[in-house]
C-alpha atoms as a PDB file:
ATOM      1  CA  MET A   1     -59.440  24.935 -36.204  1.00  0.00           C
ATOM      2  CA  THR A   2     -57.131  23.477 -33.635  1.00  0.00           C
ATOM      3  CA  SER A   3     -53.799  22.009 -34.697  1.00  0.00           C
ATOM      4  CA  ARG A   4     -52.747  18.649 -33.354  1.00  0.00           C
ATOM      5  CA  ARG A   5     -49.223  18.326 -31.917  1.00  0.00           C
ATOM      6  CA  ARG A   6     -47.320  15.400 -33.358  1.00  0.00           C
ATOM      7  CA  ALA A   7     -46.234  12.834 -30.761  1.00  0.00           C
ATOM      8  CA  PHE A   8     -43.805   9.930 -30.788  1.00  0.00           C
ATOM      9  CA  THR A   9     -45.283   6.603 -31.628  1.00  0.00           C
ATOM     10  CA  LEU A  10     -44.627   3.664 -29.325  1.00  0.00           C
ATOM     11  CA  TYR A  11     -42.281   2.218 -31.933  1.00  0.00           C
ATOM     12  CA  GLN A  12     -40.273   5.444 -32.113  1.00  0.00           C
ATOM     13  CA  LEU A  13     -40.012   5.585 -28.325  1.00  0.00           C
ATOM     14  CA  LEU A  14     -38.724   2.039 -28.236  1.00  0.00           C
ATOM     15  CA  VAL A  15     -36.142   2.814 -30.911  1.00  0.00           C
ATOM     16  CA  LEU A  16     -35.024   5.928 -29.010  1.00  0.00           C
ATOM     17  CA  LEU A  17     -34.770   3.976 -25.779  1.00  0.00           C
ATOM     18  CA  ALA A  18     -32.709   1.287 -27.487  1.00  0.00           C
ATOM     19  CA  LEU A  19     -30.340   3.924 -28.889  1.00  0.00           C
ATOM     20  CA  LEU A  20     -29.919   5.480 -25.457  1.00  0.00           C
ATOM     21  CA  VAL A  21     -29.140   2.070 -23.929  1.00  0.00           C
ATOM     22  CA  LEU A  22     -26.542   1.392 -26.636  1.00  0.00           C
ATOM     23  CA  LEU A  23     -25.005   4.826 -26.103  1.00  0.00           C
ATOM     24  CA  ALA A  24     -24.823   4.259 -22.349  1.00  0.00           C
ATOM     25  CA  ALA A  25     -23.279   0.820 -22.842  1.00  0.00           C
ATOM     26  CA  PHE A  26     -20.647   2.433 -25.060  1.00  0.00           C
ATOM     27  CA  LEU A  27     -19.910   5.397 -22.812  1.00  0.00           C
ATOM     28  CA  PHE A  28     -19.910   3.787 -19.356  1.00  0.00           C
ATOM     29  CA  PRO A  29     -16.769   1.658 -19.932  1.00  0.00           C
ATOM     30  CA  ILE A  30     -14.983   4.692 -21.350  1.00  0.00           C
ATOM     31  CA  ILE A  31     -15.931   6.791 -18.332  1.00  0.00           C
ATOM     32  CA  ALA A  32     -14.922   3.975 -15.967  1.00  0.00           C
ATOM     33  CA  ARG A  33     -11.532   3.615 -17.650  1.00  0.00           C
ATOM     34  CA  ALA A  34     -11.005   7.375 -17.513  1.00  0.00           C
ATOM     35  CA  ARG A  35     -11.808   7.434 -13.808  1.00  0.00           C
ATOM     36  CA  GLN A  36      -9.504   4.485 -13.182  1.00  0.00           C
ATOM     37  CA  ALA A  37      -6.682   6.177 -15.087  1.00  0.00           C
ATOM     38  CA  ALA A  38      -7.207   9.379 -13.102  1.00  0.00           C
ATOM     39  CA  ALA A  39      -7.132   7.398  -9.851  1.00  0.00           C
ATOM     40  CA  ARG A  40      -3.869   5.704 -10.868  1.00  0.00           C
ATOM     41  CA  THR A  41      -2.364   9.065 -11.732  1.00  0.00           C
ATOM     42  CA  GLN A  42      -3.357  10.509  -8.367  1.00  0.00           C
ATOM     43  CA  SER A  43      -1.903   7.511  -6.548  1.00  0.00           C
ATOM     44  CA  ALA A  44       1.325   7.861  -8.543  1.00  0.00           C
ATOM     45  CA  ASN A  45       1.453  11.496  -7.412  1.00  0.00           C
ATOM     46  CA  ASN A  46       1.000  10.347  -3.814  1.00  0.00           C
ATOM     47  CA  LEU A  47       3.948   7.969  -4.212  1.00  0.00           C
ATOM     48  CA  LYS A  48       6.039  10.793  -5.657  1.00  0.00           C
ATOM     49  CA  ILE A  49       5.168  13.050  -2.714  1.00  0.00           C
ATOM     50  CA  LEU A  50       6.366  10.329  -0.334  1.00  0.00           C
ATOM     51  CA  GLY A  51       9.520   9.772  -2.388  1.00  0.00           C
ATOM     52  CA  ILE A  52      10.396  13.459  -2.392  1.00  0.00           C
ATOM     53  CA  GLY A  53       9.701  13.534   1.339  1.00  0.00           C
ATOM     54  CA  VAL A  54      12.208  10.724   1.875  1.00  0.00           C
ATOM     55  CA  HIS A  55      14.914  12.622  -0.017  1.00  0.00           C
ATOM     56  CA  ASN A  56      14.223  15.849   1.863  1.00  0.00           C
ATOM     57  CA  TYR A  57      14.365  13.987   5.182  1.00  0.00           C
ATOM     58  CA  ASN A  58      17.681  12.448   4.187  1.00  0.00           C
ATOM     59  CA  ASP A  59      19.027  15.866   3.185  1.00  0.00           C
ATOM     60  CA  SER A  60      18.015  17.271   6.582  1.00  0.00           C
ATOM     61  CA  PHE A  61      19.199  14.459   8.858  1.00  0.00           C
ATOM     62  CA  GLY A  62      21.781  12.571   6.827  1.00  0.00           C
ATOM     63  CA  LEU A  63      19.840   9.308   7.001  1.00  0.00           C
ATOM     64  CA  LEU A  64      16.388   7.861   6.396  1.00  0.00           C
ATOM     65  CA  PRO A  65      13.759   7.408   9.103  1.00  0.00           C
ATOM     66  CA  PRO A  66      13.516   3.894  10.572  1.00  0.00           C
ATOM     67  CA  GLY A  67      10.751   1.727   9.201  1.00  0.00           C
ATOM     68  CA  HIS A  68       9.586   0.989  12.724  1.00  0.00           C
ATOM     69  CA  ASP A  69      10.926   2.371  15.984  1.00  0.00           C
ATOM     70  CA  ASP A  70      10.549   1.272  19.602  1.00  0.00           C
ATOM     71  CA  ASN A  71       7.358   3.316  19.995  1.00  0.00           C
ATOM     72  CA  HIS A  72       5.953   1.803  16.776  1.00  0.00           C
ATOM     73  CA  PHE A  73       6.068   4.987  14.713  1.00  0.00           C
ATOM     74  CA  SER A  74       6.139   4.620  10.933  1.00  0.00           C
ATOM     75  CA  VAL A  75       8.258   6.213   8.241  1.00  0.00           C
ATOM     76  CA  THR A  76       5.202   8.238   7.237  1.00  0.00           C
ATOM     77  CA  ALA A  77       4.865   9.695  10.729  1.00  0.00           C
ATOM     78  CA  LYS A  78       8.479  10.877  10.638  1.00  0.00           C
ATOM     79  CA  LEU A  79       7.989  12.359   7.173  1.00  0.00           C
ATOM     80  CA  LEU A  80       5.052  14.592   8.123  1.00  0.00           C
ATOM     81  CA  PRO A  81       7.001  17.899   7.969  1.00  0.00           C
ATOM     82  CA  PHE A  82       8.249  16.921   4.498  1.00  0.00           C
ATOM     83  CA  ILE A  83       4.826  16.101   3.040  1.00  0.00           C
ATOM     84  CA  GLU A  84       3.136  19.371   3.996  1.00  0.00           C
ATOM     85  CA  GLN A  85       1.917  18.143   7.388  1.00  0.00           C
ATOM     86  CA  ASP A  86       4.184  20.111   9.715  1.00  0.00           C
ATOM     87  CA  ALA A  87       1.314  21.340  11.909  1.00  0.00           C
ATOM     88  CA  LEU A  88       0.156  17.763  12.450  1.00  0.00           C
ATOM     89  CA  TYR A  89       3.725  16.638  13.127  1.00  0.00           C
ATOM     90  CA  LYS A  90       3.988  19.134  15.985  1.00  0.00           C
ATOM     91  CA  THR A  91       1.019  17.513  17.730  1.00  0.00           C
ATOM     92  CA  VAL A  92       2.685  14.075  17.841  1.00  0.00           C
ATOM     93  CA  ASP A  93       4.576  12.989  20.971  1.00  0.00           C
ATOM     94  CA  PHE A  94       7.264  10.684  19.596  1.00  0.00           C
ATOM     95  CA  GLN A  95       8.490   9.914  23.123  1.00  0.00           C
ATOM     96  CA  LYS A  96       5.278   8.005  23.798  1.00  0.00           C
ATOM     97  CA  SER A  97       3.706   5.058  22.011  1.00  0.00           C
ATOM     98  CA  ILE A  98       1.431   5.620  19.051  1.00  0.00           C
ATOM     99  CA  ASP A  99      -1.335   4.071  21.194  1.00  0.00           C
ATOM    100  CA  ASP A 100      -0.861   6.593  23.998  1.00  0.00           C
ATOM    101  CA  PRO A 101      -3.797   8.966  24.643  1.00  0.00           C
ATOM    102  CA  ALA A 102      -1.428  11.867  23.932  1.00  0.00           C
ATOM    103  CA  ASN A 103      -1.382  10.790  20.268  1.00  0.00           C
ATOM    104  CA  GLN A 104      -5.087  10.092  19.926  1.00  0.00           C
ATOM    105  CA  VAL A 105      -5.973  13.206  17.930  1.00  0.00           C
ATOM    106  CA  ALA A 106      -3.049  12.826  15.533  1.00  0.00           C
ATOM    107  CA  ARG A 107      -3.570   9.132  14.854  1.00  0.00           C
ATOM    108  CA  LYS A 108      -7.234   9.732  13.968  1.00  0.00           C
ATOM    109  CA  THR A 109      -6.348  12.377  11.405  1.00  0.00           C
ATOM    110  CA  PHE A 110      -7.254  11.521   7.834  1.00  0.00           C
ATOM    111  CA  ILE A 111      -4.587  12.613   5.329  1.00  0.00           C
ATOM    112  CA  PRO A 112      -5.972  12.564   1.757  1.00  0.00           C
ATOM    113  CA  HIS A 113      -2.710  11.924  -0.087  1.00  0.00           C
ATOM    114  CA  LEU A 114      -2.021   8.843   2.036  1.00  0.00           C
ATOM    115  CA  VAL A 115      -5.087   7.119   0.563  1.00  0.00           C
ATOM    116  CA  ALA A 116      -5.274   5.757  -2.982  1.00  0.00           C
ATOM    117  CA  PRO A 117      -8.392   7.019  -4.811  1.00  0.00           C
ATOM    118  CA  ILE A 118      -8.845   3.636  -6.506  1.00  0.00           C
ATOM    119  CA  ASP A 119      -9.348   1.942  -3.121  1.00  0.00           C
ATOM    120  CA  GLN A 120     -12.579   3.206  -1.598  1.00  0.00           C
ATOM    121  CA  GLN A 121     -12.530   0.605   1.183  1.00  0.00           C
ATOM    122  CA  MET A 122     -12.297   2.267   4.580  1.00  0.00           C
ATOM    123  CA  THR A 123     -10.899   0.592   7.673  1.00  0.00           C
ATOM    124  CA  VAL A 124     -13.190  -0.037  10.619  1.00  0.00           C
ATOM    125  CA  ASN A 125     -11.202   1.520  13.439  1.00  0.00           C
ATOM    126  CA  GLU A 126     -10.842   5.190  14.234  1.00  0.00           C
ATOM    127  CA  TYR A 127      -7.306   5.613  12.895  1.00  0.00           C
ATOM    128  CA  GLY A 128      -6.311   7.541   9.794  1.00  0.00           C
ATOM    129  CA  PRO A 129      -5.658   4.851   7.143  1.00  0.00           C
ATOM    130  CA  THR A 130      -3.044   4.594   4.417  1.00  0.00           C
ATOM    131  CA  ASN A 131      -2.546   2.678   1.179  1.00  0.00           C
ATOM    132  CA  TYR A 132       1.254   2.951   1.181  1.00  0.00           C
ATOM    133  CA  LEU A 133       3.675   0.589   2.924  1.00  0.00           C
ATOM    134  CA  TRP A 134       7.461   0.892   3.247  1.00  0.00           C
ATOM    135  CA  ASN A 135       9.967  -1.754   2.184  1.00  0.00           C
ATOM    136  CA  ALA A 136      11.474  -3.690   5.109  1.00  0.00           C
ATOM    137  CA  GLY A 137      13.244  -6.276   2.941  1.00  0.00           C
ATOM    138  CA  THR A 138      13.025  -9.958   2.060  1.00  0.00           C
ATOM    139  CA  LYS A 139      13.341 -11.497   5.521  1.00  0.00           C
ATOM    140  CA  ALA A 140      10.394 -12.387   7.746  1.00  0.00           C
ATOM    141  CA  ALA A 141      11.315 -10.308  10.813  1.00  0.00           C
ATOM    142  CA  LEU A 142      11.248  -6.495  10.890  1.00  0.00           C
ATOM    143  CA  ALA A 143      14.383  -6.601  13.041  1.00  0.00           C
ATOM    144  CA  GLY A 144      17.643  -6.982  11.109  1.00  0.00           C
ATOM    145  CA  ASN A 145      16.023  -7.059   7.686  1.00  0.00           C
ATOM    146  CA  ASP A 146      17.699  -6.226   4.361  1.00  0.00           C
ATOM    147  CA  GLY A 147      15.445  -3.527   2.879  1.00  0.00           C
ATOM    148  CA  ALA A 148      15.454   0.219   3.370  1.00  0.00           C
ATOM    149  CA  PHE A 149      13.009   0.503   6.285  1.00  0.00           C
ATOM    150  CA  TYR A 150      13.052  -2.101   9.051  1.00  0.00           C
ATOM    151  CA  HIS A 151      13.107  -1.969  12.863  1.00  0.00           C
ATOM    152  CA  ASN A 152      15.412   0.890  13.932  1.00  0.00           C
ATOM    153  CA  SER A 153      16.990   0.949  10.451  1.00  0.00           C
ATOM    154  CA  LYS A 154      19.499   3.698   9.604  1.00  0.00           C
ATOM    155  CA  ALA A 155      19.807   3.630   5.826  1.00  0.00           C
ATOM    156  CA  ARG A 156      21.311   6.559   3.930  1.00  0.00           C
ATOM    157  CA  LEU A 157      20.907   7.949   0.436  1.00  0.00           C
ATOM    158  CA  PRO A 158      22.681   6.990  -1.716  1.00  0.00           C
ATOM    159  CA  ALA A 159      25.337   5.115   0.329  1.00  0.00           C
ATOM    160  CA  SER A 160      23.025   2.286   1.417  1.00  0.00           C
ATOM    161  CA  PHE A 161      21.830   1.687  -2.164  1.00  0.00           C
ATOM    162  CA  PRO A 162      24.779   0.318  -4.169  1.00  0.00           C
ATOM    163  CA  ASP A 163      22.338  -1.540  -6.432  1.00  0.00           C
ATOM    164  CA  GLY A 164      21.043   1.851  -7.579  1.00  0.00           C
ATOM    165  CA  LEU A 165      18.220   4.073  -6.379  1.00  0.00           C
ATOM    166  CA  SER A 166      16.257   3.520  -9.577  1.00  0.00           C
ATOM    167  CA  ASN A 167      16.515  -0.254  -9.079  1.00  0.00           C
ATOM    168  CA  THR A 168      15.206  -0.360  -5.504  1.00  0.00           C
ATOM    169  CA  VAL A 169      11.652  -0.183  -4.186  1.00  0.00           C
ATOM    170  CA  LEU A 170      11.049   2.200  -1.286  1.00  0.00           C
ATOM    171  CA  VAL A 171       7.270   2.166  -0.973  1.00  0.00           C
ATOM    172  CA  VAL A 172       4.344   0.304  -2.522  1.00  0.00           C
ATOM    173  CA  GLU A 173       0.684   0.932  -3.106  1.00  0.00           C
ATOM    174  CA  THR A 174      -1.554  -1.762  -1.635  1.00  0.00           C
ATOM    175  CA  LEU A 175      -5.147  -2.339  -0.549  1.00  0.00           C
ATOM    176  CA  LYS A 176      -6.627  -1.667   2.862  1.00  0.00           C
ATOM    177  CA  GLY A 177      -8.266  -4.413   4.890  1.00  0.00           C
ATOM    178  CA  ASP A 178     -12.058  -4.515   5.092  1.00  0.00           C
ATOM    179  CA  GLY A 179     -12.358  -5.400   8.780  1.00  0.00           C
ATOM    180  CA  LYS A 180     -14.097  -8.714   8.110  1.00  0.00           C
ATOM    181  CA  LYS A 181     -13.187 -11.874  10.001  1.00  0.00           C
ATOM    182  CA  GLU A 182     -14.161 -14.283   7.233  1.00  0.00           C
ATOM    183  CA  ALA A 183     -11.524 -15.535   4.798  1.00  0.00           C
ATOM    184  CA  LYS A 184     -13.067 -14.248   1.577  1.00  0.00           C
ATOM    185  CA  ASP A 185     -10.318 -12.388  -0.278  1.00  0.00           C
ATOM    186  CA  VAL A 186      -6.535 -12.451   0.272  1.00  0.00           C
ATOM    187  CA  ARG A 187      -6.457  -8.863  -0.982  1.00  0.00           C
ATOM    188  CA  ARG A 188      -8.490  -7.737   2.022  1.00  0.00           C
ATOM    189  CA  GLN A 189      -7.975 -10.309   4.773  1.00  0.00           C
ATOM    190  CA  HIS A 190      -4.758 -11.803   6.133  1.00  0.00           C
ATOM    191  CA  VAL A 191      -3.690 -14.314   8.774  1.00  0.00           C
ATOM    192  CA  ALA A 192      -2.675 -12.997  12.200  1.00  0.00           C
ATOM    193  CA  LEU A 193      -0.314 -15.239  14.175  1.00  0.00           C
ATOM    194  CA  LYS A 194       1.460 -14.783  17.495  1.00  0.00           C
ATOM    195  CA  ALA A 195       4.974 -13.349  17.605  1.00  0.00           C
ATOM    196  CA  ALA A 196       6.424 -16.781  18.426  1.00  0.00           C
ATOM    197  CA  ALA A 197       5.405 -18.015  14.961  1.00  0.00           C
ATOM    198  CA  LEU A 198       7.922 -15.638  13.398  1.00  0.00           C
ATOM    199  CA  LYS A 199      10.791 -17.977  14.206  1.00  0.00           C
ATOM    200  CA  GLY A 200      11.106 -20.485  11.406  1.00  0.00           C
ATOM    201  CA  LEU A 201       8.214 -19.012   9.431  1.00  0.00           C
ATOM    202  CA  ASP A 202       8.043 -20.844   6.090  1.00  0.00           C
ATOM    203  CA  GLU A 203       6.573 -19.670   2.801  1.00  0.00           C
ATOM    204  CA  LYS A 204       3.377 -21.711   3.265  1.00  0.00           C
ATOM    205  CA  ALA A 205       2.583 -20.076   6.587  1.00  0.00           C
ATOM    206  CA  GLY A 206      -1.008 -18.924   6.764  1.00  0.00           C
ATOM    207  CA  VAL A 207      -2.204 -20.868   3.723  1.00  0.00           C
ATOM    208  CA  GLN A 208      -3.978 -23.611   5.667  1.00  0.00           C
ATOM    209  CA  ASP A 209      -5.286 -21.147   8.241  1.00  0.00           C
ATOM    210  CA  PHE A 210      -6.879 -19.098   5.473  1.00  0.00           C
ATOM    211  CA  LYS A 211      -8.473 -22.194   3.932  1.00  0.00           C
ATOM    212  CA  GLU A 212      -9.919 -23.135   7.317  1.00  0.00           C
ATOM    213  CA  GLY A 213     -10.918 -19.574   8.209  1.00  0.00           C
ATOM    214  CA  LYS A 214      -8.700 -19.486  11.299  1.00  0.00           C
ATOM    215  CA  ASN A 215      -6.794 -16.499  12.747  1.00  0.00           C
ATOM    216  CA  ILE A 216      -8.265 -14.136  10.158  1.00  0.00           C
ATOM    217  CA  ALA A 217      -7.650 -10.389  10.436  1.00  0.00           C
ATOM    218  CA  ALA A 218      -8.429  -7.527   8.069  1.00  0.00           C
ATOM    219  CA  ASP A 219      -6.850  -4.386   9.481  1.00  0.00           C
ATOM    220  CA  ARG A 220      -4.097  -3.972   6.882  1.00  0.00           C
ATOM    221  CA  CYS A 221      -3.084  -0.312   6.497  1.00  0.00           C
ATOM    222  CA  ALA A 222      -5.413   0.792   9.289  1.00  0.00           C
ATOM    223  CA  SER A 223      -3.015   3.481  10.550  1.00  0.00           C
ATOM    224  CA  TRP A 224      -0.486   5.674   8.737  1.00  0.00           C
ATOM    225  CA  MET A 225       1.127   6.350  12.115  1.00  0.00           C
ATOM    226  CA  ASP A 226       1.848   2.681  12.860  1.00  0.00           C
ATOM    227  CA  GLY A 227       5.136   1.259  11.575  1.00  0.00           C
ATOM    228  CA  ARG A 228       4.405  -2.337  12.487  1.00  0.00           C
ATOM    229  CA  PHE A 229       4.109  -5.057   9.886  1.00  0.00           C
ATOM    230  CA  LEU A 230       1.189  -4.650   7.449  1.00  0.00           C
ATOM    231  CA  GLN A 231       0.470  -1.234   8.963  1.00  0.00           C
ATOM    232  CA  GLY A 232       3.467   0.810   7.875  1.00  0.00           C
ATOM    233  CA  THR A 233       5.842  -1.838   6.535  1.00  0.00           C
ATOM    234  CA  PHE A 234       5.824  -4.840   4.211  1.00  0.00           C
ATOM    235  CA  ASN A 235       8.343  -7.348   2.888  1.00  0.00           C
ATOM    236  CA  ALA A 236       8.799  -9.455  -0.240  1.00  0.00           C
ATOM    237  CA  GLY A 237       7.522 -12.678   1.278  1.00  0.00           C
ATOM    238  CA  ARG A 238       4.710 -12.654  -1.263  1.00  0.00           C
ATOM    239  CA  ALA A 239       4.736 -11.678  -4.922  1.00  0.00           C
ATOM    240  CA  PRO A 240       2.503  -8.804  -6.058  1.00  0.00           C
ATOM    241  CA  ASN A 241      -1.109 -10.043  -6.020  1.00  0.00           C
ATOM    242  CA  ASP A 242       0.003 -13.421  -4.678  1.00  0.00           C
ATOM    243  CA  ASP A 243      -2.756 -15.984  -4.213  1.00  0.00           C
ATOM    244  CA  LYS A 244      -1.297 -16.910  -0.813  1.00  0.00           C
ATOM    245  CA  PRO A 245      -2.485 -14.772   2.113  1.00  0.00           C
ATOM    246  CA  ASP A 246      -0.315 -12.243   3.882  1.00  0.00           C
ATOM    247  CA  VAL A 247       0.750 -13.195   7.418  1.00  0.00           C
ATOM    248  CA  SER A 248       1.493 -10.900  10.340  1.00  0.00           C
ATOM    249  CA  CYS A 249       3.168 -12.209  13.503  1.00  0.00           C
ATOM    250  CA  ASP A 250       1.900  -9.709  16.051  1.00  0.00           C
ATOM    251  CA  GLY A 251       3.191  -6.845  13.894  1.00  0.00           C
ATOM    252  CA  GLN A 252       6.821  -7.926  14.300  1.00  0.00           C
ATOM    253  CA  GLY A 253       7.073  -9.424  10.820  1.00  0.00           C
ATOM    254  CA  GLY A 254       5.609 -12.095   8.600  1.00  0.00           C
ATOM    255  CA  TRP A 255       5.038 -12.426   4.861  1.00  0.00           C
ATOM    256  CA  SER A 256       3.391  -9.894   2.594  1.00  0.00           C
ATOM    257  CA  GLY A 257       3.244  -8.342  -0.835  1.00  0.00           C
ATOM    258  CA  PRO A 258       1.419  -5.467  -2.532  1.00  0.00           C
ATOM    259  CA  ARG A 259      -2.221  -5.991  -3.487  1.00  0.00           C
ATOM    260  CA  SER A 260      -4.296  -4.274  -6.164  1.00  0.00           C
ATOM    261  CA  LEU A 261      -7.685  -4.405  -7.853  1.00  0.00           C
ATOM    262  CA  THR A 262      -6.076  -4.849 -11.283  1.00  0.00           C
ATOM    263  CA  ASP A 263      -3.123  -6.743 -12.751  1.00  0.00           C
ATOM    264  CA  THR A 264      -0.795  -3.800 -12.158  1.00  0.00           C
ATOM    265  CA  VAL A 265       0.865  -2.517  -8.993  1.00  0.00           C
ATOM    266  CA  GLN A 266       2.487   0.887  -8.548  1.00  0.00           C
ATOM    267  CA  VAL A 267       5.713   1.235  -6.548  1.00  0.00           C
ATOM    268  CA  GLY A 268       7.853   4.200  -5.590  1.00  0.00           C
ATOM    269  CA  LEU A 269      11.577   3.799  -6.295  1.00  0.00           C
ATOM    270  CA  GLY A 270      14.600   5.188  -4.511  1.00  0.00           C
ATOM    271  CA  ASP A 271      15.162   7.950  -7.069  1.00  0.00           C
ATOM    272  CA  GLY A 272      11.656   9.312  -6.479  1.00  0.00           C
ATOM    273  CA  SER A 273      10.164   7.867  -9.660  1.00  0.00           C
ATOM    274  CA  VAL A 274       7.111   5.598  -9.866  1.00  0.00           C
ATOM    275  CA  HIS A 275       7.191   2.239 -11.625  1.00  0.00           C
ATOM    276  CA  VAL A 276       4.215   0.125 -12.714  1.00  0.00           C
ATOM    277  CA  ILE A 277       4.604  -3.633 -12.252  1.00  0.00           C
ATOM    278  CA  ASN A 278       2.640  -6.212 -14.201  1.00  0.00           C
ATOM    279  CA  ALA A 279       1.797  -8.673 -11.445  1.00  0.00           C
ATOM    280  CA  ARG A 280       1.048 -11.426 -13.959  1.00  0.00           C
ATOM    281  CA  LYS A 281       4.429 -11.213 -15.671  1.00  0.00           C
ATOM    282  CA  ILE A 282       7.005 -10.324 -13.016  1.00  0.00           C
ATOM    283  CA  SER A 283       8.948 -13.259 -11.566  1.00  0.00           C
ATOM    284  CA  PHE A 284       9.363 -13.669  -7.834  1.00  0.00           C
ATOM    285  CA  ALA A 285      13.150 -13.487  -8.300  1.00  0.00           C
ATOM    286  CA  THR A 286      12.953 -10.109 -10.044  1.00  0.00           C
ATOM    287  CA  TRP A 287      10.558  -8.839  -7.389  1.00  0.00           C
ATOM    288  CA  THR A 288      12.885  -9.757  -4.524  1.00  0.00           C
ATOM    289  CA  HIS A 289      15.894  -8.310  -6.392  1.00  0.00           C
ATOM    290  CA  ALA A 290      14.099  -4.952  -6.540  1.00  0.00           C
ATOM    291  CA  ILE A 291      13.491  -5.063  -2.783  1.00  0.00           C
ATOM    292  CA  THR A 292      17.107  -5.307  -1.589  1.00  0.00           C
ATOM    293  CA  PRO A 293      19.152  -2.092  -2.005  1.00  0.00           C
ATOM    294  CA  ALA A 294      22.485  -3.851  -1.561  1.00  0.00           C
ATOM    295  CA  GLY A 295      21.923  -7.418  -2.747  1.00  0.00           C
ATOM    296  CA  GLY A 296      24.132  -7.142  -5.809  1.00  0.00           C
ATOM    297  CA  ASP A 297      21.251  -8.372  -7.971  1.00  0.00           C
ATOM    298  CA  VAL A 298      20.371  -7.394 -11.515  1.00  0.00           C
ATOM    299  CA  LEU A 299      16.706  -6.852 -12.372  1.00  0.00           C
ATOM    300  CA  GLY A 300      15.250  -9.141 -15.021  1.00  0.00           C
ATOM    301  CA  ASP A 301      13.650  -8.165 -18.316  1.00  0.00           C
ATOM    302  CA  ASP A 302      10.246  -8.637 -16.677  1.00  0.00           C
ATOM    303  CA  TRP A 303      10.793  -5.546 -14.532  1.00  0.00           C
END
C-alpha cells in the first residue's frame, strides 16, 4: 500500500505567501535604515580622516594648505601624504596644472574614502570624484574670502580660528553632479556662469536660469584634485539643502551649500570632530556663523 505525501492546499500557500510579503515589508525598511546608518558612519569616518590630515599637515608645515592655488590644486591633493596616499602624492607634478598630461594618471585615480557611500551617483568624466568640499567662506569669490580655504589662503591652526576650532566648519559632505544638462534637481545640477558674472553676484543669481533650463551644468565634485569652486571648495552662499541652485562662475567662485539625500548634512569641524546639521531647522545666520573662523559670531541654539 503506497502512502500519499501531504501537500499544501492552495489556501495554505496563499496564507504562507501573504506572511512572507508581510515579513518582507517589515524587514526591508529596517535593512534600508541599517544600511543608511552604516553609510553615514562611513562618511563621518571619511570626514574625520580629512580632519586629522589637516591637523597633521599643519603640524608639519605650520599652516594649512590653500583651498585653491594657481595651478588649481585642491586641499585634498595637498593632503595626500596625510591620508595614506603618499605613493599617489609622489606621482603628482604640483608645478604643472591639474589638467596637464603629466597629472593624467593621478587625477583619474579613484580614492574610496573620498566618496560617500550614501551617494552612489558617479560623475561622467574620467576624473576621480569626491563628496567632500572645503570651506572658502561666505563671500562669492574664492580670492580674498573669509573661510579657512580660499585662493592661496594661508590659515594656521589654531591662530586663524579665534572663534574656536569646534565652532568652525572645515569640510562638508555633499552630493556629486549627475552629468545631465537638464534642470531637474538642484542637488545634482547647478548653474554655470562666466567669470565676469562674479562681480556683483546677488543671492538670486542662477534662480531664473535654472527655471528656464539655461546654463545648466552637473559636474559638481567631479575631481578631488581640482580646488576650483564646486570641485574642491564651497562657500555659504546657500543654506544646506537650499532650494535655490548652486552657481559657479567659471570655477572662480559663486554661491553654494552642502546637499544631501536626507534632511541632515554632515560637516567636519576644525577640531577634527564631525557634526550633523538638521537642514530643516538651522537658520542661515547660524550656518554662516559656523563658516567664518574669525567672524566673532556666536552659534545659535539651532546648531
